[in-house]
Amino acid sequence: MSMGLAALIAWLLTASIGGYMLRTWVARGGLRRQRATGEGVPPPVVFGHASAALAGLTVWISYLISGWRPLAWVGVALVCAAISLGICTVTLWTPYPVRPVPGPDGEREAGDGEVQPAGGRAGRHGAAAGAHDAAGAHDAAGAHDAAGAHDAAGAHDAFTVTDEMIASLLAEPVPVRRRRLHLLPLIPAVHGVGALSTFLLTVTAALLPVR
């Protein structure tokens, strides 16, 4: 019966992790989102997985109390059903199919399905833009000479402000951000390892003679 108790402990730990995952999934709107959009894990798969695990746990406790061997194999069968539904849950939780990546900027779809570069539209306005640039070249040169004096007058002030900013940054050390460890993806992995351990322990306990 020691192997049966070990299986019971592993089963309880695995069921506790599964209950936490189910509560988190419902609390964060997973059930409501699935009903609204049809994406994600179907609720019958999720609740079927939890129901099989809890039913098998009840049967296994009954086997440990009574020592009747057929109850042990019923518990093993329910563990297999729970693991199968768990694998379906993980598979359906994976996003598929992958959404197509949109095309690069600067391309658009033509009416007949061909891709036409967006730069062709800009080429039609090249001549008009060149005439406008030629007309404003003389004005730009005069404005540049007028602004040069003002820039030279304010250059000293700009360097002074820059020196003050650098001094303030050197005086105050930059805080180092600590990287947070994301442990949430490990919860399903630990749950899966616990389920496999429970299966192995239940099969071993069912094969051993009852003392």
N, C-alpha and C. Protein backbone atom coordinates (compact mmCIF):
# COMPACT_ATOMS: atom_id res chain seq x y z
N MET A 1 0.82 -1.22 0.00
CA MET A 1 0.00 0.00 0.00
C MET A 1 0.85 1.27 0.00
N SER A 2 2.14 1.13 0.25
CA SER A 2 2.99 2.32 0.24
C SER A 2 3.06 2.93 -1.15
N MET A 3 3.10 2.10 -2.19
CA MET A 3 3.10 2.62 -3.55
C MET A 3 1.77 3.28 -3.89
N GLY A 4 0.70 2.74 -3.36
CA GLY A 4 -0.61 3.36 -3.56
C GLY A 4 -0.72 4.72 -2.89
N LEU A 5 -0.13 4.85 -1.70
CA LEU A 5 -0.13 6.15 -1.02
C LEU A 5 0.74 7.16 -1.76
N ALA A 6 1.86 6.70 -2.31
CA ALA A 6 2.70 7.60 -3.11
C ALA A 6 1.95 8.09 -4.35
N ALA A 7 1.19 7.17 -4.97
CA ALA A 7 0.38 7.58 -6.12
C ALA A 7 -0.69 8.58 -5.70
N LEU A 8 -1.26 8.38 -4.50
CA LEU A 8 -2.28 9.31 -4.01
C LEU A 8 -1.69 10.70 -3.78
N ILE A 9 -0.51 10.77 -3.21
CA ILE A 9 0.13 12.06 -2.97
C ILE A 9 0.44 12.76 -4.29
N ALA A 10 1.00 12.01 -5.24
CA ALA A 10 1.29 12.61 -6.55
C ALA A 10 0.01 13.07 -7.24
N TRP A 11 -1.07 12.29 -7.07
CA TRP A 11 -2.35 12.64 -7.69
C TRP A 11 -2.90 13.93 -7.08
N LEU A 12 -2.81 14.06 -5.75
CA LEU A 12 -3.31 15.26 -5.08
C LEU A 12 -2.52 16.50 -5.50
N LEU A 13 -1.20 16.38 -5.58
CA LEU A 13 -0.39 17.52 -6.01
C LEU A 13 -0.71 17.93 -7.45
N THR A 14 -0.84 16.93 -8.32
CA THR A 14 -1.15 17.22 -9.72
C THR A 14 -2.53 17.85 -9.86
N ALA A 15 -3.50 17.33 -9.10
CA ALA A 15 -4.85 17.90 -9.15
C ALA A 15 -4.89 19.32 -8.60
N SER A 16 -4.05 19.60 -7.61
CA SER A 16 -4.00 20.96 -7.07
C SER A 16 -3.48 21.95 -8.12
N ILE A 17 -2.43 21.56 -8.83
CA ILE A 17 -1.90 22.43 -9.89
C ILE A 17 -2.93 22.60 -11.01
N GLY A 18 -3.59 21.50 -11.36
CA GLY A 18 -4.63 21.59 -12.39
C GLY A 18 -5.79 22.48 -11.97
N GLY A 19 -6.18 22.40 -10.69
CA GLY A 19 -7.24 23.28 -10.20
C GLY A 19 -6.85 24.75 -10.25
N TYR A 20 -5.59 25.03 -9.95
CA TYR A 20 -5.11 26.41 -10.04
C TYR A 20 -5.15 26.89 -11.49
N MET A 21 -4.72 26.05 -12.43
CA MET A 21 -4.75 26.45 -13.83
C MET A 21 -6.17 26.67 -14.31
N LEU A 22 -7.11 25.80 -13.89
CA LEU A 22 -8.50 25.95 -14.31
C LEU A 22 -9.10 27.24 -13.74
N ARG A 23 -8.81 27.52 -12.47
CA ARG A 23 -9.34 28.74 -11.87
C ARG A 23 -8.79 29.98 -12.56
N THR A 24 -7.49 29.96 -12.89
CA THR A 24 -6.89 31.10 -13.59
C THR A 24 -7.49 31.28 -14.97
N TRP A 25 -7.72 30.17 -15.66
CA TRP A 25 -8.29 30.24 -17.01
C TRP A 25 -9.69 30.84 -16.98
N VAL A 26 -10.51 30.44 -16.01
CA VAL A 26 -11.87 30.97 -15.92
C VAL A 26 -11.86 32.42 -15.45
N ALA A 27 -10.99 32.74 -14.46
CA ALA A 27 -10.96 34.09 -13.90
C ALA A 27 -10.49 35.12 -14.92
N ARG A 28 -9.62 34.74 -15.84
CA ARG A 28 -9.10 35.67 -16.83
C ARG A 28 -9.95 35.73 -18.10
N GLY A 29 -11.12 35.16 -18.04
CA GLY A 29 -12.04 35.28 -19.17
C GLY A 29 -11.83 34.28 -20.28
N GLY A 30 -11.12 33.17 -20.01
CA GLY A 30 -10.90 32.19 -21.07
C GLY A 30 -12.18 31.53 -21.53
N LEU A 31 -13.07 31.21 -20.59
CA LEU A 31 -14.33 30.58 -20.96
C LEU A 31 -15.22 31.55 -21.73
N ARG A 32 -15.31 32.78 -21.28
CA ARG A 32 -16.13 33.78 -21.97
C ARG A 32 -15.59 34.11 -23.35
N ARG A 33 -14.26 34.20 -23.46
CA ARG A 33 -13.65 34.50 -24.75
C ARG A 33 -13.86 33.36 -25.74
N GLN A 34 -13.79 32.12 -25.26
CA GLN A 34 -13.98 30.99 -26.16
C GLN A 34 -15.41 30.94 -26.68
N ARG A 35 -16.37 31.24 -25.81
CA ARG A 35 -17.76 31.23 -26.25
C ARG A 35 -18.06 32.38 -27.20
N ALA A 36 -17.37 33.50 -27.04
CA ALA A 36 -17.63 34.65 -27.89
C ALA A 36 -16.97 34.53 -29.26
N THR A 37 -15.74 34.03 -29.29
CA THR A 37 -14.97 34.00 -30.54
C THR A 37 -14.80 32.60 -31.12
N GLY A 38 -14.96 31.57 -30.30
CA GLY A 38 -14.73 30.21 -30.78
C GLY A 38 -13.28 29.82 -30.85
N GLU A 39 -12.37 30.68 -30.38
CA GLU A 39 -10.95 30.39 -30.40
C GLU A 39 -10.50 29.86 -29.04
N GLY A 40 -9.49 29.00 -29.07
CA GLY A 40 -8.96 28.47 -27.82
C GLY A 40 -9.47 27.07 -27.54
N VAL A 41 -9.37 26.67 -26.28
CA VAL A 41 -9.73 25.32 -25.90
C VAL A 41 -11.23 25.22 -25.70
N PRO A 42 -11.91 24.24 -26.30
CA PRO A 42 -13.35 24.07 -26.05
C PRO A 42 -13.60 23.73 -24.59
N PRO A 43 -14.63 24.30 -23.98
CA PRO A 43 -14.92 24.00 -22.57
C PRO A 43 -15.16 22.52 -22.29
N PRO A 44 -15.81 21.73 -23.17
CA PRO A 44 -15.96 20.30 -22.84
C PRO A 44 -14.63 19.58 -22.65
N VAL A 45 -13.60 19.98 -23.41
CA VAL A 45 -12.31 19.33 -23.26
C VAL A 45 -11.69 19.68 -21.91
N VAL A 46 -11.78 20.96 -21.53
CA VAL A 46 -11.19 21.40 -20.27
C VAL A 46 -11.89 20.75 -19.08
N PHE A 47 -13.22 20.85 -19.06
CA PHE A 47 -13.96 20.30 -17.93
C PHE A 47 -13.99 18.77 -17.95
N GLY A 48 -13.90 18.17 -19.13
CA GLY A 48 -13.78 16.72 -19.20
C GLY A 48 -12.47 16.23 -18.61
N HIS A 49 -11.40 16.98 -18.87
CA HIS A 49 -10.09 16.65 -18.29
C HIS A 49 -10.13 16.73 -16.76
N ALA A 50 -10.72 17.79 -16.24
CA ALA A 50 -10.81 17.95 -14.79
C ALA A 50 -11.73 16.90 -14.17
N SER A 51 -12.83 16.58 -14.84
CA SER A 51 -13.78 15.60 -14.29
C SER A 51 -13.17 14.21 -14.25
N ALA A 52 -12.44 13.85 -15.30
CA ALA A 52 -11.80 12.52 -15.31
C ALA A 52 -10.75 12.41 -14.21
N ALA A 53 -10.00 13.49 -13.99
CA ALA A 53 -8.98 13.46 -12.94
C ALA A 53 -9.61 13.33 -11.55
N LEU A 54 -10.67 14.08 -11.29
CA LEU A 54 -11.32 14.02 -9.99
C LEU A 54 -12.04 12.69 -9.77
N ALA A 55 -12.67 12.18 -10.82
CA ALA A 55 -13.32 10.87 -10.69
C ALA A 55 -12.30 9.77 -10.43
N GLY A 56 -11.17 9.82 -11.13
CA GLY A 56 -10.14 8.83 -10.89
C GLY A 56 -9.55 8.94 -9.49
N LEU A 57 -9.43 10.16 -8.98
CA LEU A 57 -8.92 10.34 -7.62
C LEU A 57 -9.87 9.73 -6.60
N THR A 58 -11.18 9.92 -6.82
CA THR A 58 -12.16 9.32 -5.92
C THR A 58 -12.11 7.81 -5.95
N VAL A 59 -11.99 7.25 -7.15
CA VAL A 59 -11.91 5.79 -7.28
C VAL A 59 -10.64 5.26 -6.62
N TRP A 60 -9.54 6.00 -6.76
CA TRP A 60 -8.27 5.53 -6.18
C TRP A 60 -8.32 5.55 -4.66
N ILE A 61 -8.95 6.55 -4.09
CA ILE A 61 -9.11 6.58 -2.63
C ILE A 61 -9.98 5.41 -2.18
N SER A 62 -11.01 5.11 -2.95
CA SER A 62 -11.85 3.95 -2.62
C SER A 62 -11.06 2.66 -2.68
N TYR A 63 -10.15 2.56 -3.65
CA TYR A 63 -9.30 1.36 -3.74
C TYR A 63 -8.37 1.25 -2.54
N LEU A 64 -7.80 2.36 -2.11
CA LEU A 64 -6.90 2.31 -0.95
C LEU A 64 -7.65 1.92 0.32
N ILE A 65 -8.91 2.31 0.41
CA ILE A 65 -9.69 1.96 1.61
C ILE A 65 -10.13 0.50 1.59
N SER A 66 -10.62 0.06 0.43
CA SER A 66 -11.18 -1.30 0.34
C SER A 66 -10.17 -2.36 -0.04
N GLY A 67 -9.16 -1.98 -0.81
CA GLY A 67 -8.19 -2.96 -1.28
C GLY A 67 -8.70 -3.82 -2.43
N TRP A 68 -9.80 -3.44 -3.04
CA TRP A 68 -10.38 -4.23 -4.14
C TRP A 68 -9.64 -3.88 -5.42
N ARG A 69 -9.00 -4.88 -6.05
CA ARG A 69 -8.12 -4.65 -7.18
C ARG A 69 -8.81 -4.03 -8.41
N PRO A 70 -10.04 -4.42 -8.76
CA PRO A 70 -10.66 -3.79 -9.94
C PRO A 70 -10.77 -2.27 -9.83
N LEU A 71 -10.93 -1.75 -8.62
CA LEU A 71 -10.99 -0.29 -8.48
C LEU A 71 -9.67 0.36 -8.87
N ALA A 72 -8.57 -0.33 -8.63
CA ALA A 72 -7.27 0.21 -9.01
C ALA A 72 -7.18 0.37 -10.52
N TRP A 73 -7.65 -0.64 -11.26
CA TRP A 73 -7.56 -0.55 -12.71
C TRP A 73 -8.56 0.46 -13.28
N VAL A 74 -9.69 0.64 -12.60
CA VAL A 74 -10.60 1.71 -13.02
C VAL A 74 -9.93 3.08 -12.82
N GLY A 75 -9.21 3.22 -11.72
CA GLY A 75 -8.47 4.46 -11.49
C GLY A 75 -7.40 4.68 -12.54
N VAL A 76 -6.70 3.61 -12.94
CA VAL A 76 -5.68 3.73 -13.99
C VAL A 76 -6.32 4.16 -15.30
N ALA A 77 -7.49 3.58 -15.61
CA ALA A 77 -8.18 3.96 -16.85
C ALA A 77 -8.58 5.43 -16.84
N LEU A 78 -9.05 5.90 -15.68
CA LEU A 78 -9.43 7.31 -15.59
C LEU A 78 -8.21 8.23 -15.67
N VAL A 79 -7.08 7.78 -15.15
CA VAL A 79 -5.85 8.57 -15.30
C VAL A 79 -5.48 8.69 -16.77
N CYS A 80 -5.59 7.57 -17.49
CA CYS A 80 -5.28 7.61 -18.94
C CYS A 80 -6.21 8.56 -19.67
N ALA A 81 -7.51 8.54 -19.31
CA ALA A 81 -8.45 9.46 -19.95
C ALA A 81 -8.12 10.91 -19.64
N ALA A 82 -7.76 11.17 -18.38
CA ALA A 82 -7.41 12.54 -18.01
C ALA A 82 -6.16 13.02 -18.74
N ILE A 83 -5.16 12.14 -18.86
CA ILE A 83 -3.93 12.53 -19.56
C ILE A 83 -4.22 12.76 -21.04
N SER A 84 -5.05 11.93 -21.64
CA SER A 84 -5.39 12.11 -23.06
C SER A 84 -6.09 13.44 -23.29
N LEU A 85 -7.05 13.77 -22.43
CA LEU A 85 -7.72 15.06 -22.57
C LEU A 85 -6.77 16.22 -22.28
N GLY A 86 -5.81 15.99 -21.37
CA GLY A 86 -4.82 17.02 -21.10
C GLY A 86 -3.93 17.29 -22.31
N ILE A 87 -3.55 16.22 -23.01
CA ILE A 87 -2.76 16.40 -24.23
C ILE A 87 -3.57 17.15 -25.29
N CYS A 88 -4.86 16.82 -25.40
CA CYS A 88 -5.72 17.56 -26.34
C CYS A 88 -5.82 19.03 -25.95
N THR A 89 -5.87 19.30 -24.65
CA THR A 89 -5.94 20.69 -24.19
C THR A 89 -4.70 21.47 -24.61
N VAL A 90 -3.52 20.87 -24.40
CA VAL A 90 -2.28 21.55 -24.78
C VAL A 90 -2.21 21.74 -26.29
N THR A 91 -2.65 20.73 -27.05
CA THR A 91 -2.59 20.81 -28.52
C THR A 91 -3.51 21.89 -29.04
N LEU A 92 -4.75 21.94 -28.52
CA LEU A 92 -5.70 22.93 -29.00
C LEU A 92 -5.39 24.33 -28.49
N TRP A 93 -4.59 24.41 -27.43
CA TRP A 93 -4.23 25.72 -26.91
C TRP A 93 -3.19 26.40 -27.80
N THR A 94 -2.47 25.63 -28.61
CA THR A 94 -1.44 26.20 -29.47
C THR A 94 -2.10 26.99 -30.59
N PRO A 95 -1.70 28.25 -30.83
CA PRO A 95 -2.32 29.03 -31.91
C PRO A 95 -2.06 28.43 -33.28
N TYR A 96 -3.10 28.06 -33.97
CA TYR A 96 -3.00 27.49 -35.32
C TYR A 96 -4.31 27.74 -36.04
N PRO A 97 -4.33 28.14 -37.32
CA PRO A 97 -3.15 28.38 -38.15
C PRO A 97 -2.51 29.72 -37.86
N VAL A 98 -1.28 29.87 -38.32
CA VAL A 98 -0.56 31.12 -38.13
C VAL A 98 -1.12 32.16 -39.09
N ARG A 99 -1.38 33.35 -38.59
CA ARG A 99 -1.91 34.40 -39.45
C ARG A 99 -0.85 34.86 -40.45
N PRO A 100 -1.26 35.14 -41.69
CA PRO A 100 -0.27 35.58 -42.68
C PRO A 100 0.33 36.92 -42.30
N VAL A 101 1.63 37.05 -42.56
CA VAL A 101 2.33 38.30 -42.28
C VAL A 101 2.01 39.30 -43.36
N PRO A 102 1.59 40.53 -43.03
CA PRO A 102 1.28 41.53 -44.07
C PRO A 102 2.51 41.89 -44.87
N GLY A 103 2.29 42.31 -46.11
CA GLY A 103 3.38 42.65 -47.01
C GLY A 103 4.12 43.87 -46.52
N PRO A 104 5.35 44.10 -47.05
CA PRO A 104 6.14 45.26 -46.65
C PRO A 104 5.49 46.56 -47.08
N ASP A 105 5.84 47.65 -46.37
CA ASP A 105 5.30 48.96 -46.72
C ASP A 105 5.80 49.38 -48.10
N GLY A 106 4.92 50.05 -48.78
CA GLY A 106 5.31 50.50 -50.11
C GLY A 106 4.75 49.61 -51.20
N GLU A 107 3.93 48.60 -50.86
CA GLU A 107 3.31 47.74 -51.86
C GLU A 107 1.82 47.71 -51.59
N ARG A 108 1.03 47.64 -52.64
CA ARG A 108 -0.40 47.53 -52.50
C ARG A 108 -0.91 46.57 -53.56
N GLU A 109 -2.09 46.00 -53.31
CA GLU A 109 -2.66 45.04 -54.26
C GLU A 109 -3.43 45.80 -55.33
N ALA A 110 -3.17 45.44 -56.58
CA ALA A 110 -3.92 46.02 -57.69
C ALA A 110 -5.24 45.29 -57.82
N GLY A 111 -6.12 45.79 -58.70
CA GLY A 111 -7.43 45.19 -58.85
C GLY A 111 -7.37 43.80 -59.44
N ASP A 112 -6.40 43.51 -60.31
CA ASP A 112 -6.31 42.20 -60.93
C ASP A 112 -5.39 41.27 -60.16
N GLY A 113 -4.99 41.60 -58.93
CA GLY A 113 -4.17 40.69 -58.13
C GLY A 113 -2.70 40.99 -58.22
N GLU A 114 -2.23 41.93 -59.08
CA GLU A 114 -0.82 42.24 -59.19
C GLU A 114 -0.43 43.23 -58.11
N VAL A 115 0.82 43.23 -57.73
CA VAL A 115 1.35 44.13 -56.72
C VAL A 115 2.03 45.30 -57.41
N GLN A 116 1.58 46.51 -57.12
CA GLN A 116 2.11 47.70 -57.76
C GLN A 116 2.88 48.50 -56.73
N PRO A 117 4.16 48.85 -56.97
CA PRO A 117 4.93 49.65 -56.02
C PRO A 117 4.26 50.99 -55.81
N ALA A 118 4.27 51.41 -54.53
CA ALA A 118 3.68 52.70 -54.22
C ALA A 118 4.52 53.85 -54.72
N GLY A 119 5.82 53.58 -55.02
CA GLY A 119 6.68 54.66 -55.51
C GLY A 119 6.30 55.14 -56.88
N GLY A 120 5.54 54.36 -57.66
CA GLY A 120 5.14 54.80 -58.99
C GLY A 120 4.26 56.01 -58.96
N ARG A 121 3.44 56.13 -57.87
CA ARG A 121 2.58 57.29 -57.76
C ARG A 121 3.39 58.56 -57.54
N ALA A 122 4.49 58.39 -56.79
CA ALA A 122 5.34 59.55 -56.53
C ALA A 122 6.06 60.00 -57.79
N GLY A 123 6.34 59.08 -58.72
CA GLY A 123 7.04 59.45 -59.95
C GLY A 123 6.24 60.40 -60.82
N ARG A 124 4.89 60.36 -60.71
CA ARG A 124 4.07 61.23 -61.54
C ARG A 124 4.18 62.69 -61.12
N HIS A 125 4.59 62.89 -59.88
CA HIS A 125 4.69 64.26 -59.41
C HIS A 125 6.14 64.75 -59.42
N GLY A 126 7.07 64.01 -60.05
CA GLY A 126 8.48 64.39 -60.01
C GLY A 126 8.77 65.71 -60.70
N ALA A 127 8.14 65.92 -61.84
CA ALA A 127 8.44 67.13 -62.62
C ALA A 127 7.97 68.38 -61.89
N ALA A 128 6.75 68.31 -61.33
CA ALA A 128 6.22 69.48 -60.62
C ALA A 128 7.05 69.78 -59.39
N ALA A 129 7.49 68.73 -58.67
CA ALA A 129 8.31 68.96 -57.48
C ALA A 129 9.65 69.56 -57.85
N GLY A 130 10.25 69.14 -58.99
CA GLY A 130 11.53 69.70 -59.41
C GLY A 130 11.42 71.17 -59.74
N ALA A 131 10.34 71.59 -60.37
CA ALA A 131 10.16 73.00 -60.70
C ALA A 131 10.00 73.83 -59.43
N HIS A 132 9.27 73.27 -58.46
CA HIS A 132 9.09 74.00 -57.20
C HIS A 132 10.41 74.14 -56.45
N ASP A 133 11.24 73.10 -56.47
CA ASP A 133 12.53 73.17 -55.79
C ASP A 133 13.46 74.19 -56.45
N ALA A 134 13.43 74.24 -57.77
CA ALA A 134 14.28 75.20 -58.47
C ALA A 134 13.87 76.63 -58.17
N ALA A 135 12.57 76.86 -58.03
CA ALA A 135 12.09 78.23 -57.78
C ALA A 135 12.46 78.69 -56.38
N GLY A 136 12.50 77.70 -55.39
CA GLY A 136 12.77 78.11 -54.02
C GLY A 136 14.22 78.02 -53.62
N ALA A 137 15.13 77.69 -54.54
CA ALA A 137 16.54 77.55 -54.18
C ALA A 137 17.14 78.88 -53.76
N HIS A 138 16.82 79.96 -54.50
CA HIS A 138 17.38 81.27 -54.19
C HIS A 138 16.90 81.77 -52.82
N ASP A 139 15.60 81.56 -52.51
CA ASP A 139 15.06 81.99 -51.22
C ASP A 139 15.70 81.21 -50.07
N ALA A 140 15.96 79.91 -50.30
CA ALA A 140 16.56 79.10 -49.25
C ALA A 140 17.98 79.55 -48.94
N ALA A 141 18.72 79.97 -49.98
CA ALA A 141 20.09 80.43 -49.76
C ALA A 141 20.11 81.71 -48.94
N GLY A 142 19.18 82.63 -49.21
CA GLY A 142 19.14 83.87 -48.43
C GLY A 142 18.74 83.62 -46.99
N ALA A 143 17.77 82.67 -46.80
CA ALA A 143 17.34 82.38 -45.43
C ALA A 143 18.45 81.71 -44.64
N HIS A 144 19.27 80.90 -45.31
CA HIS A 144 20.39 80.24 -44.63
C HIS A 144 21.40 81.25 -44.11
N ASP A 145 21.71 82.30 -44.93
CA ASP A 145 22.66 83.32 -44.49
C ASP A 145 22.12 84.12 -43.31
N ALA A 146 20.81 84.39 -43.34
CA ALA A 146 20.23 85.16 -42.25
C ALA A 146 20.19 84.37 -40.95
N ALA A 147 19.94 83.05 -41.07
CA ALA A 147 19.87 82.23 -39.85
C ALA A 147 21.23 81.89 -39.30
N GLY A 148 22.30 82.04 -40.13
CA GLY A 148 23.63 81.68 -39.65
C GLY A 148 24.08 82.53 -38.49
N ALA A 149 23.75 83.82 -38.54
CA ALA A 149 24.17 84.70 -37.46
C ALA A 149 23.48 84.33 -36.15
N HIS A 150 22.20 84.02 -36.23
CA HIS A 150 21.46 83.65 -35.02
C HIS A 150 21.97 82.34 -34.43
N ASP A 151 22.32 81.36 -35.29
CA ASP A 151 22.86 80.09 -34.80
C ASP A 151 24.21 80.28 -34.13
N ALA A 152 25.05 81.14 -34.68
CA ALA A 152 26.36 81.38 -34.07
C ALA A 152 26.22 82.04 -32.71
N ALA A 153 25.16 82.92 -32.59
CA ALA A 153 24.98 83.61 -31.30
C ALA A 153 24.52 82.64 -30.23
N GLY A 154 23.69 81.63 -30.62
CA GLY A 154 23.17 80.72 -29.59
C GLY A 154 23.98 79.46 -29.42
N ALA A 155 25.12 79.32 -30.09
CA ALA A 155 25.91 78.09 -30.00
C ALA A 155 26.48 77.91 -28.60
N HIS A 156 26.95 79.02 -28.02
CA HIS A 156 27.54 78.95 -26.68
C HIS A 156 26.52 78.47 -25.65
N ASP A 157 25.29 79.01 -25.74
CA ASP A 157 24.24 78.58 -24.81
C ASP A 157 23.92 77.10 -24.97
N ALA A 158 23.92 76.60 -26.23
CA ALA A 158 23.62 75.18 -26.47
C ALA A 158 24.68 74.29 -25.85
N PHE A 159 25.96 74.67 -26.00
CA PHE A 159 27.03 73.87 -25.40
C PHE A 159 26.94 73.89 -23.88
N THR A 160 26.55 75.05 -23.31
CA THR A 160 26.44 75.15 -21.86
C THR A 160 25.34 74.21 -21.34
N VAL A 161 24.19 74.21 -22.00
CA VAL A 161 23.09 73.33 -21.59
C VAL A 161 23.50 71.86 -21.71
N THR A 162 24.21 71.52 -22.79
CA THR A 162 24.64 70.14 -22.99
C THR A 162 25.61 69.71 -21.89
N ASP A 163 26.54 70.58 -21.52
CA ASP A 163 27.47 70.24 -20.43
C ASP A 163 26.75 70.04 -19.12
N GLU A 164 25.73 70.86 -18.85
CA GLU A 164 24.99 70.69 -17.61
C GLU A 164 24.21 69.37 -17.59
N MET A 165 23.65 68.98 -18.73
CA MET A 165 22.91 67.72 -18.80
C MET A 165 23.84 66.53 -18.58
N ILE A 166 25.03 66.57 -19.18
CA ILE A 166 25.98 65.47 -19.01
C ILE A 166 26.43 65.38 -17.56
N ALA A 167 26.66 66.53 -16.92
CA ALA A 167 27.09 66.52 -15.52
C ALA A 167 26.01 65.95 -14.62
N SER A 168 24.74 66.30 -14.90
CA SER A 168 23.65 65.77 -14.07
C SER A 168 23.48 64.27 -14.26
N LEU A 169 23.67 63.78 -15.48
CA LEU A 169 23.56 62.34 -15.73
C LEU A 169 24.67 61.57 -15.05
N LEU A 170 25.88 62.14 -15.03
CA LEU A 170 26.99 61.47 -14.36
C LEU A 170 26.84 61.50 -12.85
N ALA A 171 26.19 62.52 -12.33
CA ALA A 171 26.00 62.61 -10.88
C ALA A 171 24.96 61.62 -10.39
N GLU A 172 23.93 61.35 -11.21
CA GLU A 172 22.87 60.42 -10.81
C GLU A 172 23.09 59.10 -11.55
N PRO A 173 23.42 58.02 -10.86
CA PRO A 173 23.63 56.73 -11.53
C PRO A 173 22.33 56.17 -12.08
N VAL A 174 22.43 55.53 -13.22
CA VAL A 174 21.26 54.94 -13.86
C VAL A 174 20.85 53.69 -13.09
N PRO A 175 19.59 53.58 -12.66
CA PRO A 175 19.17 52.37 -11.93
C PRO A 175 19.21 51.14 -12.81
N VAL A 176 19.71 50.07 -12.26
CA VAL A 176 19.81 48.81 -13.00
C VAL A 176 18.52 48.03 -12.81
N ARG A 177 17.89 47.69 -13.92
CA ARG A 177 16.64 46.92 -13.87
C ARG A 177 16.94 45.43 -13.79
N ARG A 178 16.34 44.81 -12.82
CA ARG A 178 16.52 43.37 -12.66
C ARG A 178 15.54 42.62 -13.54
N ARG A 179 16.05 41.64 -14.21
CA ARG A 179 15.20 40.83 -15.08
C ARG A 179 14.35 39.90 -14.24
N ARG A 180 13.05 39.92 -14.52
CA ARG A 180 12.13 39.07 -13.80
C ARG A 180 12.06 37.69 -14.44
N LEU A 181 12.02 36.69 -13.60
CA LEU A 181 11.91 35.33 -14.09
C LEU A 181 10.44 35.01 -14.32
N HIS A 182 10.11 34.63 -15.52
CA HIS A 182 8.74 34.26 -15.86
C HIS A 182 8.57 32.76 -15.61
N LEU A 183 7.93 32.44 -14.48
CA LEU A 183 7.76 31.05 -14.09
C LEU A 183 6.40 30.49 -14.47
N LEU A 184 5.52 31.32 -15.01
CA LEU A 184 4.19 30.83 -15.35
C LEU A 184 4.21 29.72 -16.40
N PRO A 185 5.09 29.78 -17.44
CA PRO A 185 5.11 28.66 -18.39
C PRO A 185 5.54 27.34 -17.78
N LEU A 186 6.18 27.37 -16.60
CA LEU A 186 6.60 26.12 -15.98
C LEU A 186 5.44 25.39 -15.30
N ILE A 187 4.34 26.09 -15.02
CA ILE A 187 3.23 25.44 -14.32
C ILE A 187 2.62 24.31 -15.15
N PRO A 188 2.29 24.51 -16.44
CA PRO A 188 1.79 23.38 -17.22
C PRO A 188 2.80 22.24 -17.34
N ALA A 189 4.10 22.58 -17.41
CA ALA A 189 5.12 21.53 -17.51
C ALA A 189 5.15 20.68 -16.23
N VAL A 190 5.10 21.35 -15.09
CA VAL A 190 5.09 20.61 -13.82
C VAL A 190 3.82 19.78 -13.70
N HIS A 191 2.71 20.32 -14.18
CA HIS A 191 1.45 19.57 -14.15
C HIS A 191 1.54 18.31 -15.01
N GLY A 192 2.16 18.44 -16.18
CA GLY A 192 2.31 17.27 -17.04
C GLY A 192 3.23 16.21 -16.44
N VAL A 193 4.34 16.66 -15.83
CA VAL A 193 5.24 15.70 -15.18
C VAL A 193 4.54 15.00 -14.03
N GLY A 194 3.74 15.76 -13.27
CA GLY A 194 2.99 15.14 -12.18
C GLY A 194 1.98 14.12 -12.67
N ALA A 195 1.33 14.41 -13.82
CA ALA A 195 0.36 13.47 -14.37
C ALA A 195 1.04 12.17 -14.80
N LEU A 196 2.19 12.29 -15.46
CA LEU A 196 2.91 11.08 -15.87
C LEU A 196 3.41 10.29 -14.66
N SER A 197 3.87 10.99 -13.64
CA SER A 197 4.31 10.30 -12.42
C SER A 197 3.15 9.58 -11.75
N THR A 198 2.00 10.22 -11.74
CA THR A 198 0.82 9.59 -11.15
C THR A 198 0.44 8.34 -11.92
N PHE A 199 0.51 8.39 -13.24
CA PHE A 199 0.18 7.23 -14.05
C PHE A 199 1.12 6.06 -13.75
N LEU A 200 2.41 6.34 -13.71
CA LEU A 200 3.37 5.27 -13.44
C LEU A 200 3.17 4.67 -12.05
N LEU A 201 2.91 5.53 -11.07
CA LEU A 201 2.72 5.02 -9.71
C LEU A 201 1.44 4.21 -9.57
N THR A 202 0.38 4.64 -10.23
CA THR A 202 -0.87 3.89 -10.15
C THR A 202 -0.76 2.53 -10.83
N VAL A 203 -0.09 2.50 -11.98
CA VAL A 203 0.09 1.20 -12.66
C VAL A 203 0.94 0.27 -11.81
N THR A 204 2.00 0.79 -11.22
CA THR A 204 2.86 -0.04 -10.37
C THR A 204 2.11 -0.55 -9.15
N ALA A 205 1.31 0.32 -8.53
CA ALA A 205 0.53 -0.10 -7.36
C ALA A 205 -0.53 -1.11 -7.71
N ALA A 206 -1.10 -0.99 -8.92
CA ALA A 206 -2.13 -1.95 -9.33
C ALA A 206 -1.52 -3.31 -9.65
N LEU A 207 -0.28 -3.35 -10.09
CA LEU A 207 0.36 -4.61 -10.41
C LEU A 207 0.90 -5.33 -9.17
N LEU A 208 1.25 -4.57 -8.14
CA LEU A 208 1.79 -5.19 -6.95
C LEU A 208 0.70 -5.90 -6.17
N PRO A 209 1.02 -7.00 -5.50
CA PRO A 209 0.01 -7.69 -4.70
C PRO A 209 -0.41 -6.86 -3.49
N VAL A 210 -1.66 -6.99 -3.14
CA VAL A 210 -2.20 -6.24 -1.99
C VAL A 210 -1.78 -6.95 -0.71
N ARG A 211 -1.24 -6.20 0.22
CA ARG A 211 -0.80 -6.76 1.51
C ARG A 211 -1.78 -6.43 2.61
